[in-house]
Amino acid sequence: MSFNDVLEAVEKLPQEDQETLIEIVCRRQIERRRAQIVKEIAASRRAYRAGKTKVGTPAQIMREILS
């Protein structure tokens, strides 16, 4: 099923069903993003504990990047 087929199928739904579908899709996107953030935080914490990161202010980090 192509993206356009999906759009056409959604357009055939009653307005209330379309709104419900939008809410469900948005909620799922939020949940997936939240899960991704949790993974990134865990990886960052592991890197920090392993001494693979540096602590500093944004200004200090930018100076180091630009030097």
Protein backbone atom coordinates (compact mmCIF):
# COMPACT_ATOMS: atom_id res chain seq x y z
CA MET A 1 0.00 0.00 0.00
CA SER A 2 1.48 3.34 -1.00
CA PHE A 3 1.46 6.51 1.04
CA ASN A 4 -1.11 8.00 -1.35
CA ASP A 5 -3.34 4.94 -0.91
CA VAL A 6 -3.24 5.45 2.83
CA LEU A 7 -4.16 9.12 2.47
CA GLU A 8 -7.08 8.26 0.22
CA ALA A 9 -8.27 5.60 2.67
CA VAL A 10 -8.09 8.09 5.54
CA GLU A 11 -10.05 10.66 3.55
CA LYS A 12 -12.86 8.12 3.19
CA LEU A 13 -13.19 7.81 6.96
CA PRO A 14 -15.75 9.88 8.85
CA GLN A 15 -14.35 13.09 10.33
CA GLU A 16 -14.47 11.74 13.89
CA ASP A 17 -12.49 8.64 12.88
CA GLN A 18 -9.92 10.81 11.11
CA GLU A 19 -9.49 12.88 14.27
CA THR A 20 -9.14 9.73 16.38
CA LEU A 21 -6.56 8.37 13.95
CA ILE A 22 -4.57 11.62 14.16
CA GLU A 23 -4.59 11.44 17.97
CA ILE A 24 -3.42 7.83 17.93
CA VAL A 25 -0.61 8.52 15.45
CA CYS A 26 0.54 11.57 17.40
CA ARG A 27 0.52 9.64 20.68
CA ARG A 28 2.52 6.81 19.14
CA GLN A 29 5.07 9.27 17.74
CA ILE A 30 5.46 10.79 21.19
CA GLU A 31 5.91 7.35 22.74
CA ARG A 32 8.53 6.35 20.15
CA ARG A 33 10.42 9.61 20.64
CA ARG A 34 10.29 9.17 24.41
CA ALA A 35 11.70 5.65 24.08
CA GLN A 36 14.48 6.96 21.82
CA ILE A 37 15.37 9.66 24.36
CA VAL A 38 15.54 7.02 27.11
CA LYS A 39 18.00 5.00 24.98
CA GLU A 40 20.12 8.09 24.25
CA ILE A 41 20.24 9.02 27.94
CA ALA A 42 21.30 5.48 28.88
CA ALA A 43 24.06 5.55 26.24
CA SER A 44 25.22 8.96 27.44
CA ARG A 45 25.35 7.77 31.03
CA ARG A 46 27.38 4.70 30.02
CA ALA A 47 29.80 6.92 28.09
CA TYR A 48 30.09 9.28 31.06
CA ARG A 49 30.80 6.41 33.49
CA ALA A 50 33.41 5.03 31.08
CA GLY A 51 35.14 8.42 30.98
CA LYS A 52 34.38 8.97 27.30
CA THR A 53 32.73 12.35 27.79
CA LYS A 54 33.87 15.75 28.92
CA VAL A 55 32.06 18.05 31.30
CA GLY A 56 31.85 21.74 30.53
CA THR A 57 29.66 24.69 29.83
CA PRO A 58 28.32 25.18 26.32
CA ALA A 59 30.80 28.04 25.86
CA GLN A 60 33.73 25.81 26.90
CA ILE A 61 32.63 23.05 24.57
CA MET A 62 32.25 25.46 21.65
CA ARG A 63 35.73 26.92 22.30
CA GLU A 64 37.17 23.41 22.21
CA ILE A 65 35.30 22.56 19.01
CA LEU A 66 36.44 25.76 17.29
CA SER A 67 40.08 25.51 18.36
